Amino acid sequence: MPRPTREIDVERAAVPMALWSGLDAPGVCVFASTPTRPLSLDRVGDLVEAVTGDRPDVLALS
C-alpha cells in the first residue's frame, strides 16, 4: 500500500533521483550502478573520463 504524500521524505527520495539522472546523462545503465550493483560512482567517473577527458561529478550531471 503506498504511503500518503504527507508521509514521504522528499529530501531522502531526491537523492536516488539525482543519482539516476546523473547516471543517465552520460548513458550509464542505472541497473549496473550503485546502490544496487557494483559499478561505483568512482568507476563511472573513470569511464566518462576515458571517453571525454573530463572527470565529472556524477551527481552534478542531473
N, C-alpha and C. Protein backbone atom coordinates (compact mmCIF):
# COMPACT_ATOMS: atom_id res chain seq x y z
N MET A 1 0.84 -1.16 0.00
CA MET A 1 0.00 0.00 0.00
C MET A 1 0.89 1.25 0.00
N PRO A 2 0.76 2.14 -0.97
CA PRO A 2 1.56 3.36 -0.99
C PRO A 2 1.27 4.24 0.23
N ARG A 3 2.31 4.94 0.67
CA ARG A 3 2.15 5.84 1.80
C ARG A 3 1.52 7.15 1.34
N PRO A 4 0.77 7.82 2.19
CA PRO A 4 0.21 9.12 1.83
C PRO A 4 1.32 10.12 1.51
N THR A 5 1.05 11.04 0.62
CA THR A 5 2.04 12.02 0.20
C THR A 5 2.64 12.77 1.37
N ARG A 6 1.86 13.10 2.36
CA ARG A 6 2.37 13.87 3.50
C ARG A 6 3.39 13.09 4.31
N GLU A 7 3.51 11.79 4.12
CA GLU A 7 4.46 10.97 4.86
C GLU A 7 5.74 10.69 4.09
N ILE A 8 5.83 11.12 2.86
CA ILE A 8 7.01 10.85 2.04
C ILE A 8 8.14 11.81 2.43
N ASP A 9 9.33 11.27 2.64
CA ASP A 9 10.51 12.08 2.95
C ASP A 9 11.09 12.55 1.61
N VAL A 10 10.74 13.76 1.23
CA VAL A 10 11.09 14.29 -0.09
C VAL A 10 12.59 14.39 -0.27
N GLU A 11 13.31 14.87 0.73
CA GLU A 11 14.76 15.01 0.60
C GLU A 11 15.43 13.65 0.41
N ARG A 12 14.95 12.65 1.14
CA ARG A 12 15.53 11.30 1.01
C ARG A 12 15.20 10.70 -0.36
N ALA A 13 14.04 10.98 -0.90
CA ALA A 13 13.66 10.47 -2.21
C ALA A 13 14.43 11.18 -3.32
N ALA A 14 14.86 12.43 -3.09
CA ALA A 14 15.55 13.20 -4.12
C ALA A 14 16.95 12.69 -4.41
N VAL A 15 17.60 12.08 -3.43
CA VAL A 15 18.97 11.60 -3.62
C VAL A 15 19.05 10.52 -4.70
N PRO A 16 18.25 9.44 -4.63
CA PRO A 16 18.34 8.46 -5.71
C PRO A 16 17.89 9.02 -7.06
N MET A 17 16.96 9.97 -7.03
CA MET A 17 16.53 10.57 -8.30
C MET A 17 17.69 11.34 -8.95
N ALA A 18 18.46 12.08 -8.14
CA ALA A 18 19.63 12.79 -8.66
C ALA A 18 20.69 11.81 -9.14
N LEU A 19 20.88 10.74 -8.39
CA LEU A 19 21.85 9.71 -8.78
C LEU A 19 21.49 9.11 -10.13
N TRP A 20 20.24 8.67 -10.26
CA TRP A 20 19.83 8.02 -11.50
C TRP A 20 19.84 8.98 -12.67
N SER A 21 19.50 10.23 -12.44
CA SER A 21 19.56 11.23 -13.50
C SER A 21 21.01 11.48 -13.91
N GLY A 22 21.90 11.55 -12.91
CA GLY A 22 23.33 11.74 -13.20
C GLY A 22 23.93 10.57 -13.94
N LEU A 23 23.46 9.36 -13.66
CA LEU A 23 23.95 8.19 -14.39
C LEU A 23 23.40 8.16 -15.81
N ASP A 24 22.18 8.61 -15.96
CA ASP A 24 21.54 8.61 -17.27
C ASP A 24 22.19 9.62 -18.22
N ALA A 25 22.68 10.74 -17.70
CA ALA A 25 23.26 11.80 -18.54
C ALA A 25 24.39 11.29 -19.43
N PRO A 26 25.36 10.52 -18.90
CA PRO A 26 26.41 10.01 -19.79
C PRO A 26 26.06 8.66 -20.43
N GLY A 27 24.83 8.17 -20.19
CA GLY A 27 24.41 6.93 -20.81
C GLY A 27 24.75 5.67 -20.02
N VAL A 28 24.99 5.81 -18.72
CA VAL A 28 25.29 4.65 -17.87
C VAL A 28 23.99 4.01 -17.43
N CYS A 29 23.89 2.72 -17.57
CA CYS A 29 22.69 1.99 -17.17
C CYS A 29 22.51 2.08 -15.65
N VAL A 30 21.35 2.57 -15.23
CA VAL A 30 21.10 2.71 -13.80
C VAL A 30 21.03 1.35 -13.11
N PHE A 31 20.80 0.30 -13.86
CA PHE A 31 20.72 -1.03 -13.27
C PHE A 31 22.10 -1.65 -13.06
N ALA A 32 23.15 -1.03 -13.59
CA ALA A 32 24.51 -1.54 -13.45
C ALA A 32 25.30 -0.82 -12.37
N SER A 33 24.73 0.23 -11.84
CA SER A 33 25.49 1.07 -10.92
C SER A 33 24.92 1.06 -9.51
N THR A 34 25.61 1.79 -8.69
CA THR A 34 25.25 1.94 -7.30
C THR A 34 23.83 2.46 -7.16
N PRO A 35 23.06 2.18 -6.19
CA PRO A 35 23.38 1.45 -4.97
C PRO A 35 23.10 -0.05 -5.07
N THR A 36 22.58 -0.53 -6.19
CA THR A 36 22.18 -1.93 -6.27
C THR A 36 23.21 -2.83 -6.93
N ARG A 37 24.17 -2.28 -7.61
CA ARG A 37 25.16 -3.08 -8.34
C ARG A 37 26.57 -2.58 -8.05
N PRO A 38 27.59 -3.32 -8.45
CA PRO A 38 28.97 -2.99 -8.08
C PRO A 38 29.62 -1.84 -8.86
N LEU A 39 28.98 -1.28 -9.87
CA LEU A 39 29.60 -0.18 -10.63
C LEU A 39 29.51 1.09 -9.78
N SER A 40 30.63 1.45 -9.16
CA SER A 40 30.66 2.58 -8.23
C SER A 40 30.68 3.92 -8.97
N LEU A 41 30.41 4.98 -8.24
CA LEU A 41 30.48 6.31 -8.83
C LEU A 41 31.90 6.65 -9.26
N ASP A 42 32.90 6.17 -8.53
CA ASP A 42 34.29 6.39 -8.94
C ASP A 42 34.56 5.73 -10.29
N ARG A 43 34.05 4.53 -10.45
CA ARG A 43 34.25 3.80 -11.71
C ARG A 43 33.51 4.48 -12.86
N VAL A 44 32.31 4.98 -12.58
CA VAL A 44 31.57 5.74 -13.60
C VAL A 44 32.39 6.95 -14.02
N GLY A 45 32.97 7.64 -13.03
CA GLY A 45 33.85 8.78 -13.34
C GLY A 45 35.02 8.36 -14.20
N ASP A 46 35.63 7.20 -13.90
CA ASP A 46 36.73 6.68 -14.72
C ASP A 46 36.29 6.45 -16.16
N LEU A 47 35.12 5.86 -16.33
CA LEU A 47 34.62 5.56 -17.68
C LEU A 47 34.34 6.83 -18.48
N VAL A 48 33.69 7.79 -17.84
CA VAL A 48 33.39 9.04 -18.54
C VAL A 48 34.68 9.79 -18.87
N GLU A 49 35.62 9.78 -17.94
CA GLU A 49 36.91 10.44 -18.18
C GLU A 49 37.66 9.78 -19.33
N ALA A 50 37.59 8.48 -19.42
CA ALA A 50 38.28 7.76 -20.51
C ALA A 50 37.72 8.16 -21.88
N VAL A 51 36.44 8.46 -21.93
CA VAL A 51 35.81 8.81 -23.21
C VAL A 51 35.92 10.29 -23.51
N THR A 52 35.70 11.15 -22.51
CA THR A 52 35.62 12.59 -22.76
C THR A 52 36.87 13.36 -22.37
N GLY A 53 37.70 12.80 -21.49
CA GLY A 53 38.86 13.51 -20.99
C GLY A 53 38.56 14.34 -19.76
N ASP A 54 37.30 14.46 -19.40
CA ASP A 54 36.88 15.20 -18.21
C ASP A 54 36.29 14.24 -17.19
N ARG A 55 36.58 14.51 -15.92
CA ARG A 55 36.03 13.66 -14.85
C ARG A 55 34.87 14.42 -14.20
N PRO A 56 33.65 13.94 -14.39
CA PRO A 56 32.50 14.66 -13.85
C PRO A 56 32.18 14.28 -12.41
N ASP A 57 31.45 15.15 -11.76
CA ASP A 57 30.78 14.81 -10.51
C ASP A 57 29.44 14.24 -10.97
N VAL A 58 29.27 12.95 -10.87
CA VAL A 58 28.10 12.27 -11.44
C VAL A 58 26.80 12.86 -10.89
N LEU A 59 26.76 13.14 -9.61
CA LEU A 59 25.53 13.70 -9.03
C LEU A 59 25.24 15.09 -9.56
N ALA A 60 26.25 15.82 -9.99
CA ALA A 60 26.04 17.17 -10.54
C ALA A 60 25.55 17.13 -11.98
N LEU A 61 25.58 15.97 -12.61
CA LEU A 61 25.12 15.86 -14.01
C LEU A 61 23.61 15.86 -14.11
N SER A 62 22.93 15.67 -13.00
CA SER A 62 21.46 15.57 -13.04
C SER A 62 20.82 16.88 -13.42
